[in-house]
Amino acid sequence: MECESKQESNFSAELEVNGCKIALNRFVESFISQAIIGMLASLRGVDVVETIDLKISKKAESSQAQ
């Protein structure tokens, strides 16, 4: 039995990790898009989402050891 969603996403997503583009299938593309849009929708000041630019970087290690 194959379960496939017939629901089309209104958004496209692209993912790069360490400068390398990662191929996304429709499910993952929709999952990432809808998850982030859902999180942003709860923020004050976010109304209509057209585009999102999100960059996540590893923090530099602190020079102070505790």
PDB file of N, CA and C in Angstrom:
ATOM      1  N   MET A   1       0.838  -1.165   0.000  1.00  0.00           N
ATOM      2  CA  MET A   1       0.000   0.000   0.000  1.00  0.00           C
ATOM      3  C   MET A   1       0.887   1.232   0.000  1.00  0.00           C
ATOM      4  N   GLU A   2       0.602   2.151  -0.867  1.00  0.00           N
ATOM      5  CA  GLU A   2       1.376   3.382  -0.956  1.00  0.00           C
ATOM      6  C   GLU A   2       0.518   4.547  -0.507  1.00  0.00           C
ATOM      7  N   CYS A   3       1.018   5.310   0.462  1.00  0.00           N
ATOM      8  CA  CYS A   3       0.312   6.490   0.952  1.00  0.00           C
ATOM      9  C   CYS A   3       1.055   7.717   0.453  1.00  0.00           C
ATOM     10  N   GLU A   4       0.381   8.500  -0.337  1.00  0.00           N
ATOM     11  CA  GLU A   4       0.993   9.720  -0.849  1.00  0.00           C
ATOM     12  C   GLU A   4      -0.004  10.846  -0.744  1.00  0.00           C
ATOM     13  N   SER A   5       0.446  11.965  -0.209  1.00  0.00           N
ATOM     14  CA  SER A   5      -0.421  13.119  -0.066  1.00  0.00           C
ATOM     15  C   SER A   5      -0.672  13.744  -1.421  1.00  0.00           C
ATOM     16  N   LYS A   6      -1.902  14.073  -1.675  1.00  0.00           N
ATOM     17  CA  LYS A   6      -2.265  14.749  -2.921  1.00  0.00           C
ATOM     18  C   LYS A   6      -2.263  16.261  -2.740  1.00  0.00           C
ATOM     19  N   GLN A   7      -2.011  16.711  -1.512  1.00  0.00           N
ATOM     20  CA  GLN A   7      -2.026  18.132  -1.222  1.00  0.00           C
ATOM     21  C   GLN A   7      -0.743  18.780  -1.743  1.00  0.00           C
ATOM     22  N   GLU A   8      -0.899  19.801  -2.550  1.00  0.00           N
ATOM     23  CA  GLU A   8       0.229  20.527  -3.104  1.00  0.00           C
ATOM     24  C   GLU A   8       0.614  21.671  -2.171  1.00  0.00           C
ATOM     25  N   SER A   9       1.897  21.904  -2.022  1.00  0.00           N
ATOM     26  CA  SER A   9       2.372  23.028  -1.225  1.00  0.00           C
ATOM     27  C   SER A   9       2.446  24.266  -2.110  1.00  0.00           C
ATOM     28  N   ASN A  10       2.145  25.411  -1.538  1.00  0.00           N
ATOM     29  CA  ASN A  10       2.245  26.677  -2.262  1.00  0.00           C
ATOM     30  C   ASN A  10       3.650  27.248  -2.193  1.00  0.00           C
ATOM     31  N   PHE A  11       4.565  26.548  -1.547  1.00  0.00           N
ATOM     32  CA  PHE A  11       5.914  27.046  -1.328  1.00  0.00           C
ATOM     33  C   PHE A  11       6.940  26.043  -1.846  1.00  0.00           C
ATOM     34  N   SER A  12       8.076  26.567  -2.240  1.00  0.00           N
ATOM     35  CA  SER A  12       9.202  25.705  -2.584  1.00  0.00           C
ATOM     36  C   SER A  12      10.298  25.960  -1.566  1.00  0.00           C
ATOM     37  N   ALA A  13      11.175  24.998  -1.397  1.00  0.00           N
ATOM     38  CA  ALA A  13      12.261  25.143  -0.429  1.00  0.00           C
ATOM     39  C   ALA A  13      13.552  24.633  -1.056  1.00  0.00           C
ATOM     40  N   GLU A  14      14.633  25.270  -0.701  1.00  0.00           N
ATOM     41  CA  GLU A  14      15.969  24.836  -1.096  1.00  0.00           C
ATOM     42  C   GLU A  14      16.801  24.752   0.173  1.00  0.00           C
ATOM     43  N   LEU A  15      17.677  23.773   0.221  1.00  0.00           N
ATOM     44  CA  LEU A  15      18.494  23.571   1.409  1.00  0.00           C
ATOM     45  C   LEU A  15      19.950  23.426   1.008  1.00  0.00           C
ATOM     46  N   GLU A  16      20.809  24.180   1.690  1.00  0.00           N
ATOM     47  CA  GLU A  16      22.254  24.040   1.531  1.00  0.00           C
ATOM     48  C   GLU A  16      22.854  23.796   2.899  1.00  0.00           C
ATOM     49  N   VAL A  17      23.737  22.820   2.973  1.00  0.00           N
ATOM     50  CA  VAL A  17      24.446  22.517   4.215  1.00  0.00           C
ATOM     51  C   VAL A  17      25.934  22.618   3.913  1.00  0.00           C
ATOM     52  N   ASN A  18      26.619  23.486   4.622  1.00  0.00           N
ATOM     53  CA  ASN A  18      28.051  23.723   4.418  1.00  0.00           C
ATOM     54  C   ASN A  18      28.358  24.056   2.956  1.00  0.00           C
ATOM     55  N   GLY A  19      27.459  24.799   2.321  1.00  0.00           N
ATOM     56  CA  GLY A  19      27.668  25.226   0.946  1.00  0.00           C
ATOM     57  C   GLY A  19      27.270  24.209  -0.110  1.00  0.00           C
ATOM     58  N   CYS A  20      26.826  23.026   0.299  1.00  0.00           N
ATOM     59  CA  CYS A  20      26.425  21.985  -0.654  1.00  0.00           C
ATOM     60  C   CYS A  20      24.904  21.905  -0.710  1.00  0.00           C
ATOM     61  N   LYS A  21      24.358  22.011  -1.918  1.00  0.00           N
ATOM     62  CA  LYS A  21      22.912  21.938  -2.084  1.00  0.00           C
ATOM     63  C   LYS A  21      22.442  20.504  -1.829  1.00  0.00           C
ATOM     64  N   ILE A  22      21.379  20.375  -1.038  1.00  0.00           N
ATOM     65  CA  ILE A  22      20.808  19.082  -0.689  1.00  0.00           C
ATOM     66  C   ILE A  22      19.503  18.913  -1.465  1.00  0.00           C
ATOM     67  N   ALA A  23      19.387  17.814  -2.188  1.00  0.00           N
ATOM     68  CA  ALA A  23      18.168  17.545  -2.946  1.00  0.00           C
ATOM     69  C   ALA A  23      17.034  17.183  -1.983  1.00  0.00           C
ATOM     70  N   LEU A  24      15.853  17.751  -2.215  1.00  0.00           N
ATOM     71  CA  LEU A  24      14.692  17.487  -1.372  1.00  0.00           C
ATOM     72  C   LEU A  24      13.576  16.889  -2.233  1.00  0.00           C
ATOM     73  N   ASN A  25      12.956  15.830  -1.733  1.00  0.00           N
ATOM     74  CA  ASN A  25      11.784  15.335  -2.437  1.00  0.00           C
ATOM     75  C   ASN A  25      10.578  16.183  -2.029  1.00  0.00           C
ATOM     76  N   ARG A  26       9.439  15.958  -2.674  1.00  0.00           N
ATOM     77  CA  ARG A  26       8.255  16.806  -2.405  1.00  0.00           C
ATOM     78  C   ARG A  26       7.830  16.757  -0.951  1.00  0.00           C
ATOM     79  N   PHE A  27       7.883  15.568  -0.334  1.00  0.00           N
ATOM     80  CA  PHE A  27       7.460  15.452   1.063  1.00  0.00           C
ATOM     81  C   PHE A  27       8.344  16.295   1.975  1.00  0.00           C
ATOM     82  N   VAL A  28       9.653  16.157   1.842  1.00  0.00           N
ATOM     83  CA  VAL A  28      10.586  16.893   2.708  1.00  0.00           C
ATOM     84  C   VAL A  28      10.498  18.390   2.443  1.00  0.00           C
ATOM     85  N   GLU A  29      10.399  18.777   1.181  1.00  0.00           N
ATOM     86  CA  GLU A  29      10.265  20.187   0.827  1.00  0.00           C
ATOM     87  C   GLU A  29       9.017  20.786   1.474  1.00  0.00           C
ATOM     88  N   SER A  30       7.901  20.073   1.393  1.00  0.00           N
ATOM     89  CA  SER A  30       6.656  20.545   1.999  1.00  0.00           C
ATOM     90  C   SER A  30       6.753  20.547   3.520  1.00  0.00           C
ATOM     91  N   PHE A  31       7.342  19.500   4.088  1.00  0.00           N
ATOM     92  CA  PHE A  31       7.476  19.392   5.542  1.00  0.00           C
ATOM     93  C   PHE A  31       8.282  20.558   6.105  1.00  0.00           C
ATOM     94  N   ILE A  32       9.444  20.828   5.503  1.00  0.00           N
ATOM     95  CA  ILE A  32      10.290  21.923   5.983  1.00  0.00           C
ATOM     96  C   ILE A  32       9.563  23.257   5.826  1.00  0.00           C
ATOM     97  N   SER A  33       8.979  23.477   4.648  1.00  0.00           N
ATOM     98  CA  SER A  33       8.273  24.740   4.392  1.00  0.00           C
ATOM     99  C   SER A  33       7.151  24.969   5.389  1.00  0.00           C
ATOM    100  N   GLN A  34       6.291  23.985   5.548  1.00  0.00           N
ATOM    101  CA  GLN A  34       5.129  24.150   6.417  1.00  0.00           C
ATOM    102  C   GLN A  34       5.516  24.247   7.887  1.00  0.00           C
ATOM    103  N   ALA A  35       6.554  23.528   8.301  1.00  0.00           N
ATOM    104  CA  ALA A  35       7.002  23.607   9.696  1.00  0.00           C
ATOM    105  C   ALA A  35       7.514  25.004  10.031  1.00  0.00           C
ATOM    106  N   ILE A  36       8.343  25.558   9.168  1.00  0.00           N
ATOM    107  CA  ILE A  36       8.894  26.894   9.425  1.00  0.00           C
ATOM    108  C   ILE A  36       7.807  27.952   9.331  1.00  0.00           C
ATOM    109  N   ILE A  37       6.943  27.850   8.336  1.00  0.00           N
ATOM    110  CA  ILE A  37       5.845  28.810   8.211  1.00  0.00           C
ATOM    111  C   ILE A  37       4.944  28.743   9.436  1.00  0.00           C
ATOM    112  N   GLY A  38       4.683  27.552   9.940  1.00  0.00           N
ATOM    113  CA  GLY A  38       3.875  27.394  11.147  1.00  0.00           C
ATOM    114  C   GLY A  38       4.505  28.070  12.351  1.00  0.00           C
ATOM    115  N   MET A  39       5.818  27.931  12.494  1.00  0.00           N
ATOM    116  CA  MET A  39       6.512  28.586  13.607  1.00  0.00           C
ATOM    117  C   MET A  39       6.472  30.107  13.468  1.00  0.00           C
ATOM    118  N   LEU A  40       6.682  30.593  12.256  1.00  0.00           N
ATOM    119  CA  LEU A  40       6.687  32.041  12.034  1.00  0.00           C
ATOM    120  C   LEU A  40       5.306  32.651  12.208  1.00  0.00           C
ATOM    121  N   ALA A  41       4.266  31.901  11.878  1.00  0.00           N
ATOM    122  CA  ALA A  41       2.897  32.412  11.978  1.00  0.00           C
ATOM    123  C   ALA A  41       2.539  32.784  13.420  1.00  0.00           C
ATOM    124  N   SER A  42       3.219  32.170  14.387  1.00  0.00           N
ATOM    125  CA  SER A  42       2.917  32.472  15.788  1.00  0.00           C
ATOM    126  C   SER A  42       3.631  33.726  16.289  1.00  0.00           C
ATOM    127  N   LEU A  43       4.513  34.283  15.464  1.00  0.00           N
ATOM    128  CA  LEU A  43       5.260  35.470  15.881  1.00  0.00           C
ATOM    129  C   LEU A  43       4.484  36.743  15.582  1.00  0.00           C
ATOM    130  N   ARG A  44       4.534  37.661  16.536  1.00  0.00           N
ATOM    131  CA  ARG A  44       3.903  38.957  16.347  1.00  0.00           C
ATOM    132  C   ARG A  44       4.579  39.686  15.198  1.00  0.00           C
ATOM    133  N   GLY A  45       3.812  40.298  14.336  1.00  0.00           N
ATOM    134  CA  GLY A  45       4.354  41.071  13.234  1.00  0.00           C
ATOM    135  C   GLY A  45       4.494  40.281  11.937  1.00  0.00           C
ATOM    136  N   VAL A  46       4.235  38.965  11.987  1.00  0.00           N
ATOM    137  CA  VAL A  46       4.293  38.150  10.775  1.00  0.00           C
ATOM    138  C   VAL A  46       2.864  37.911  10.315  1.00  0.00           C
ATOM    139  N   ASP A  47       2.540  38.460   9.146  1.00  0.00           N
ATOM    140  CA  ASP A  47       1.191  38.304   8.608  1.00  0.00           C
ATOM    141  C   ASP A  47       1.207  37.349   7.420  1.00  0.00           C
ATOM    142  N   VAL A  48       1.477  37.875   6.260  1.00  0.00           N
ATOM    143  CA  VAL A  48       1.499  37.070   5.041  1.00  0.00           C
ATOM    144  C   VAL A  48       2.947  36.716   4.722  1.00  0.00           C
ATOM    145  N   VAL A  49       3.223  35.435   4.539  1.00  0.00           N
ATOM    146  CA  VAL A  49       4.567  34.980   4.213  1.00  0.00           C
ATOM    147  C   VAL A  49       4.690  34.845   2.696  1.00  0.00           C
ATOM    148  N   GLU A  50       5.646  35.549   2.142  1.00  0.00           N
ATOM    149  CA  GLU A  50       5.952  35.436   0.706  1.00  0.00           C
ATOM    150  C   GLU A  50       7.277  34.710   0.520  1.00  0.00           C
ATOM    151  N   THR A  51       8.295  35.171   1.238  1.00  0.00           N
ATOM    152  CA  THR A  51       9.609  34.529   1.198  1.00  0.00           C
ATOM    153  C   THR A  51      10.192  34.501   2.597  1.00  0.00           C
ATOM    154  N   ILE A  52      11.085  33.558   2.823  1.00  0.00           N
ATOM    155  CA  ILE A  52      11.786  33.440   4.106  1.00  0.00           C
ATOM    156  C   ILE A  52      13.256  33.183   3.795  1.00  0.00           C
ATOM    157  N   ASP A  53      14.136  33.950   4.400  1.00  0.00           N
ATOM    158  CA  ASP A  53      15.573  33.692   4.324  1.00  0.00           C
ATOM    159  C   ASP A  53      16.022  33.356   5.731  1.00  0.00           C
ATOM    160  N   LEU A  54      16.498  32.156   5.923  1.00  0.00           N
ATOM    161  CA  LEU A  54      16.911  31.688   7.244  1.00  0.00           C
ATOM    162  C   LEU A  54      18.315  31.138   7.145  1.00  0.00           C
ATOM    163  N   LYS A  55      19.195  31.626   7.991  1.00  0.00           N
ATOM    164  CA  LYS A  55      20.559  31.114   8.023  1.00  0.00           C
ATOM    165  C   LYS A  55      20.855  30.672   9.441  1.00  0.00           C
ATOM    166  N   ILE A  56      21.306  29.459   9.589  1.00  0.00           N
ATOM    167  CA  ILE A  56      21.659  28.922  10.897  1.00  0.00           C
ATOM    168  C   ILE A  56      23.139  28.573  10.857  1.00  0.00           C
ATOM    169  N   SER A  57      23.901  29.130  11.791  1.00  0.00           N
ATOM    170  CA  SER A  57      25.344  28.892  11.842  1.00  0.00           C
ATOM    171  C   SER A  57      25.732  28.418  13.228  1.00  0.00           C
ATOM    172  N   LYS A  58      26.728  27.580  13.271  1.00  0.00           N
ATOM    173  CA  LYS A  58      27.267  27.133  14.543  1.00  0.00           C
ATOM    174  C   LYS A  58      27.931  28.320  15.230  1.00  0.00           C
ATOM    175  N   LYS A  59      27.655  28.485  16.518  1.00  0.00           N
ATOM    176  CA  LYS A  59      28.261  29.578  17.275  1.00  0.00           C
ATOM    177  C   LYS A  59      29.750  29.319  17.456  1.00  0.00           C
ATOM    178  N   ALA A  60      30.522  30.401  17.464  1.00  0.00           N
ATOM    179  CA  ALA A  60      31.944  30.289  17.747  1.00  0.00           C
ATOM    180  C   ALA A  60      32.113  29.859  19.186  1.00  0.00           C
ATOM    181  N   GLU A  61      33.068  29.014  19.430  1.00  0.00           N
ATOM    182  CA  GLU A  61      33.318  28.552  20.792  1.00  0.00           C
ATOM    183  C   GLU A  61      33.825  29.714  21.631  1.00  0.00           C
ATOM    184  N   SER A  62      33.340  29.784  22.853  1.00  0.00           N
ATOM    185  CA  SER A  62      33.747  30.842  23.771  1.00  0.00           C
ATOM    186  C   SER A  62      35.174  30.606  24.225  1.00  0.00           C
ATOM    187  N   SER A  63      35.929  31.667  24.353  1.00  0.00           N
ATOM    188  CA  SER A  63      37.319  31.541  24.811  1.00  0.00           C
ATOM    189  C   SER A  63      37.400  31.364  26.323  1.00  0.00           C
ATOM    190  N   GLN A  64      36.258  31.529  27.008  1.00  0.00           N
ATOM    191  CA  GLN A  64      36.222  31.374  28.452  1.00  0.00           C
ATOM    192  C   GLN A  64      35.733  29.977  28.801  1.00  0.00           C
ATOM    193  N   ALA A  65      36.590  29.175  29.367  1.00  0.00           N
ATOM    194  CA  ALA A  65      36.194  27.821  29.785  1.00  0.00           C
ATOM    195  C   ALA A  65      35.650  27.889  31.196  1.00  0.00           C
ATOM    196  N   GLN A  66      34.565  27.184  31.420  1.00  0.00           N
ATOM    197  CA  GLN A  66      33.966  27.201  32.769  1.00  0.00           C
ATOM    198  C   GLN A  66      34.020  25.838  33.365  1.00  0.00           C
TER     199      GLN A  66
END
